[in-house]
């Protein structure tokens, strides 16, 4: 389990690996006076402790199906083997590929030469800005081309595509019509990643399996 982060509106968000999820629910019950209620939809499971504390779990790769206790179904669902696409983008680099059960099977990584912002003024600054914009366009085109070549032909075998990196860059890529099928399969969660490198892609493949839980006290 990660150390978590503060959640908007209060509470804390943690990520738990599928293999530790059952034990995490047991620990939640011990820490909060047992379980008073459990409710589930296809996309969310809410567990309420005896002291009123809640754990709201976002179902990874929904929908959650089947019958029986929601937490048991969720653990089985989270552990299920699945193949996913990964697309990590920042202005200076990108890394993408196919992963299964946290292991990258196929990948492509590249760096982009994009100047930083200039502090100069006048015409010099304008020329610099135009050059930077052109470099950024080339970079985004390279990302899109790799996505079309590596990910799009394999979408039929994927449970989802997990995105990561800079949201502005990802929004730019959404404007490329060739990638519409890819973004149609994109999971809602966007991973926060540093400069996309091959090692970062490996880490993202593992993190993409984690179950996100919002904790709020009673």
Protein backbone atom coordinates (compact mmCIF):
# COMPACT_ATOMS: atom_id res chain seq x y z
CA UNK A 1 0.00 0.00 0.00
CA UNK A 2 1.23 3.49 -0.81
CA UNK A 3 1.46 6.22 1.82
CA UNK A 4 -1.48 7.92 0.14
CA UNK A 5 -2.32 11.50 -0.70
CA UNK A 6 -4.78 14.06 0.56
CA UNK A 7 -8.14 13.95 -1.22
CA UNK A 8 -10.17 16.99 -2.34
CA UNK A 9 -12.99 17.47 0.12
CA UNK A 10 -11.16 15.64 2.89
CA UNK A 11 -9.87 12.17 3.52
CA UNK A 12 -6.95 10.31 2.07
CA UNK A 13 -6.46 8.23 -1.08
CA UNK A 14 -4.33 5.08 -0.98
CA UNK A 15 -3.42 2.51 -3.60
CA UNK A 16 -3.42 -1.18 -2.72
CA UNK A 17 -2.11 -4.01 -4.88
CA UNK A 18 -4.64 -6.73 -5.81
CA UNK A 19 -2.63 -9.33 -3.88
CA UNK A 20 -2.92 -7.33 -0.64
CA UNK A 21 -6.50 -6.18 -1.03
CA UNK A 22 -8.18 -8.94 1.02
CA UNK A 23 -5.80 -8.33 3.92
CA UNK A 24 -6.36 -4.59 3.63
CA UNK A 25 -10.13 -5.04 4.08
CA UNK A 26 -9.48 -7.22 7.16
CA UNK A 27 -7.27 -4.47 8.59
CA UNK A 28 -9.88 -1.81 7.87
CA UNK A 29 -12.43 -3.84 9.86
CA UNK A 30 -10.03 -4.25 12.81
CA UNK A 31 -9.19 -0.54 12.90
CA UNK A 32 -12.78 0.68 12.66
CA UNK A 33 -14.90 -1.50 14.92
CA UNK A 34 -15.91 -4.07 12.32
CA UNK A 35 -18.03 -3.54 9.21
CA UNK A 36 -21.54 -2.12 9.51
CA UNK A 37 -22.43 -1.93 5.82
CA UNK A 38 -21.11 -2.71 2.35
CA UNK A 39 -22.66 -1.36 -0.86
CA UNK A 40 -21.58 -1.91 -4.45
CA UNK A 41 -22.26 -0.81 -8.00
CA UNK A 42 -20.47 -1.80 -11.19
CA UNK A 43 -17.91 0.96 -10.65
CA UNK A 44 -17.66 1.47 -6.87
CA UNK A 45 -17.64 -0.42 -3.58
CA UNK A 46 -18.29 1.46 -0.32
CA UNK A 47 -17.39 -0.20 2.96
CA UNK A 48 -18.57 1.45 6.22
CA UNK A 49 -16.88 0.67 9.51
CA UNK A 50 -18.61 0.31 12.86
CA UNK A 51 -17.33 3.77 13.83
CA UNK A 52 -18.72 5.38 10.66
CA UNK A 53 -15.41 5.50 8.77
CA UNK A 54 -15.78 4.74 5.05
CA UNK A 55 -13.58 3.18 2.39
CA UNK A 56 -14.77 4.03 -1.12
CA UNK A 57 -13.11 1.78 -3.66
CA UNK A 58 -12.97 2.62 -7.35
CA UNK A 59 -13.43 -0.65 -9.26
CA UNK A 60 -10.39 -1.10 -11.53
CA UNK A 61 -11.26 -1.98 -15.10
CA UNK A 62 -15.04 -2.02 -14.51
CA UNK A 63 -17.65 -3.37 -14.47
CA UNK A 64 -17.75 -5.37 -11.25
CA UNK A 65 -20.05 -8.35 -11.86
CA UNK A 66 -21.17 -11.55 -10.17
CA UNK A 67 -22.92 -12.35 -6.92
CA UNK A 68 -21.80 -12.65 -3.33
CA UNK A 69 -20.11 -10.25 -0.91
CA UNK A 70 -18.89 -7.15 -2.78
CA UNK A 71 -15.43 -7.14 -1.22
CA UNK A 72 -14.88 -10.79 -2.18
CA UNK A 73 -16.02 -10.10 -5.73
CA UNK A 74 -13.77 -7.05 -5.86
CA UNK A 75 -10.68 -9.02 -4.78
CA UNK A 76 -11.35 -11.69 -7.41
CA UNK A 77 -11.97 -9.01 -10.03
CA UNK A 78 -8.77 -7.09 -9.20
CA UNK A 79 -6.62 -10.24 -9.40
CA UNK A 80 -8.03 -11.32 -12.75
CA UNK A 81 -5.33 -11.51 -15.47
CA UNK A 82 -5.75 -8.82 -18.09
CA UNK A 83 -3.73 -7.16 -20.81
CA UNK A 84 -3.61 -3.36 -20.92
CA UNK A 85 -2.08 -0.60 -23.00
CA UNK A 86 0.06 2.12 -21.45
CA UNK A 87 0.57 5.63 -22.81
CA UNK A 88 2.84 7.94 -20.79
CA UNK A 89 3.48 11.40 -22.19
CA UNK A 90 5.31 14.55 -21.24
CA UNK A 91 6.51 17.25 -23.59
CA UNK A 92 10.11 16.03 -23.38
CA UNK A 93 9.51 12.29 -23.82
CA UNK A 94 7.00 9.49 -24.17
CA UNK A 95 6.86 5.80 -23.40
CA UNK A 96 4.10 3.41 -24.40
CA UNK A 97 3.50 -0.29 -24.62
CA UNK A 98 1.49 -3.39 -23.79
CA UNK A 99 1.55 -4.97 -20.33
CA UNK A 100 0.01 -8.07 -18.79
CA UNK A 101 -0.22 -8.71 -15.04
CA UNK A 102 2.19 -5.86 -14.32
CA UNK A 103 4.85 -6.94 -16.84
CA UNK A 104 5.63 -4.99 -20.02
CA UNK A 105 5.51 -7.22 -23.10
CA UNK A 106 6.09 -4.65 -25.83
CA UNK A 107 7.23 -1.05 -25.63
CA UNK A 108 8.51 2.02 -27.42
CA UNK A 109 10.20 4.98 -25.74
CA UNK A 110 11.52 8.20 -27.24
CA UNK A 111 12.73 11.65 -26.22
CA UNK A 112 11.70 14.95 -27.81
CA UNK A 113 13.85 18.02 -28.26
CA UNK A 114 11.70 20.90 -27.03
CA UNK A 115 13.32 24.13 -25.78
CA UNK A 116 12.39 25.51 -22.38
CA UNK A 117 10.77 28.92 -22.12
CA UNK A 118 12.91 31.97 -22.89
CA UNK A 119 13.25 34.97 -20.60
CA UNK A 120 14.26 37.21 -23.51
CA UNK A 121 11.91 39.88 -24.82
CA UNK A 122 10.89 41.41 -28.15
CA UNK A 123 11.34 39.71 -31.52
CA UNK A 124 13.85 37.26 -30.08
CA UNK A 125 11.30 35.94 -27.65
CA UNK A 126 8.64 35.66 -30.35
CA UNK A 127 10.97 33.71 -32.65
CA UNK A 128 11.91 31.45 -29.75
CA UNK A 129 8.24 30.86 -28.90
CA UNK A 130 7.41 29.96 -32.52
CA UNK A 131 10.35 27.54 -32.64
CA UNK A 132 9.25 25.96 -29.37
CA UNK A 133 5.67 25.57 -30.58
CA UNK A 134 6.90 23.89 -33.76
CA UNK A 135 9.08 21.50 -31.74
CA UNK A 136 6.12 20.69 -29.50
CA UNK A 137 3.93 19.93 -32.54
CA UNK A 138 6.58 17.59 -33.92
CA UNK A 139 6.86 15.89 -30.53
CA UNK A 140 3.11 15.30 -30.28
CA UNK A 141 3.02 13.99 -33.84
CA UNK A 142 5.79 11.50 -32.97
CA UNK A 143 3.80 10.31 -29.93
CA UNK A 144 0.66 9.92 -32.03
CA UNK A 145 2.55 8.03 -34.75
CA UNK A 146 3.94 5.57 -32.19
CA UNK A 147 0.51 5.16 -30.64
CA UNK A 148 -0.99 4.38 -34.04
CA UNK A 149 1.74 1.89 -34.84
CA UNK A 150 2.11 0.11 -31.47
CA UNK A 151 -1.21 0.41 -29.61
CA UNK A 152 -4.07 0.95 -32.05
CA UNK A 153 -3.60 -2.34 -33.97
CA UNK A 154 -3.76 -4.24 -30.65
CA UNK A 155 -6.73 -2.55 -29.01
CA UNK A 156 -9.00 -5.55 -29.52
CA UNK A 157 -6.86 -7.62 -27.14
CA UNK A 158 -6.75 -4.98 -24.38
CA UNK A 159 -8.99 -4.58 -21.33
CA UNK A 160 -8.16 -0.86 -21.19
CA UNK A 161 -5.55 1.76 -21.94
CA UNK A 162 -3.97 3.45 -18.91
CA UNK A 163 -2.73 7.00 -19.42
CA UNK A 164 -0.05 8.87 -17.52
CA UNK A 165 1.96 12.07 -17.50
CA UNK A 166 0.99 15.59 -18.51
CA UNK A 167 -2.77 16.05 -18.92
CA UNK A 168 -2.32 18.98 -21.34
CA UNK A 169 -0.20 16.82 -23.65
CA UNK A 170 -2.73 14.00 -23.41
CA UNK A 171 -5.54 16.42 -24.28
CA UNK A 172 -3.59 17.48 -27.38
CA UNK A 173 -3.30 13.88 -28.46
CA UNK A 174 -7.07 13.46 -28.13
CA UNK A 175 -7.37 15.83 -31.08
CA UNK A 176 -5.70 13.30 -33.39
CA UNK A 177 -8.53 11.35 -35.02
CA UNK A 178 -6.28 8.31 -35.51
CA UNK A 179 -6.19 7.87 -31.74
CA UNK A 180 -9.95 8.08 -31.13
CA UNK A 181 -10.30 4.28 -30.63
CA UNK A 182 -7.41 4.36 -28.16
CA UNK A 183 -8.89 7.14 -26.02
CA UNK A 184 -12.30 5.47 -26.17
CA UNK A 185 -10.70 2.58 -24.26
CA UNK A 186 -8.81 4.81 -21.80
CA UNK A 187 -9.33 4.29 -18.08
CA UNK A 188 -10.52 7.31 -16.10
CA UNK A 189 -7.49 7.32 -13.82
CA UNK A 190 -4.38 9.14 -15.08
CA UNK A 191 -1.08 8.11 -13.51
CA UNK A 192 1.22 10.80 -12.19
CA UNK A 193 4.65 10.03 -13.67
CA UNK A 194 8.02 11.74 -13.98
CA UNK A 195 9.79 11.90 -17.34
CA UNK A 196 8.59 8.82 -19.23
CA UNK A 197 11.47 6.38 -19.56
CA UNK A 198 11.49 2.62 -20.05
CA UNK A 199 11.97 2.05 -16.31
CA UNK A 200 9.04 4.38 -15.60
CA UNK A 201 6.90 2.33 -17.98
CA UNK A 202 7.75 -0.81 -16.01
CA UNK A 203 6.71 0.93 -12.79
CA UNK A 204 3.49 2.20 -14.40
CA UNK A 205 2.59 -1.34 -15.52
CA UNK A 206 2.60 -2.42 -11.87
CA UNK A 207 0.86 0.71 -10.56
CA UNK A 208 -1.91 0.37 -13.15
CA UNK A 209 -3.10 -2.78 -11.34
CA UNK A 210 -3.40 -1.03 -7.97
CA UNK A 211 -6.82 -0.47 -6.47
CA UNK A 212 -7.55 3.15 -5.47
CA UNK A 213 -9.35 3.66 -2.14
CA UNK A 214 -10.69 6.89 -0.64
CA UNK A 215 -10.63 6.82 3.17
CA UNK A 216 -12.75 9.14 5.29
CA UNK A 217 -13.07 9.08 9.08
CA UNK A 218 -16.39 8.58 10.80
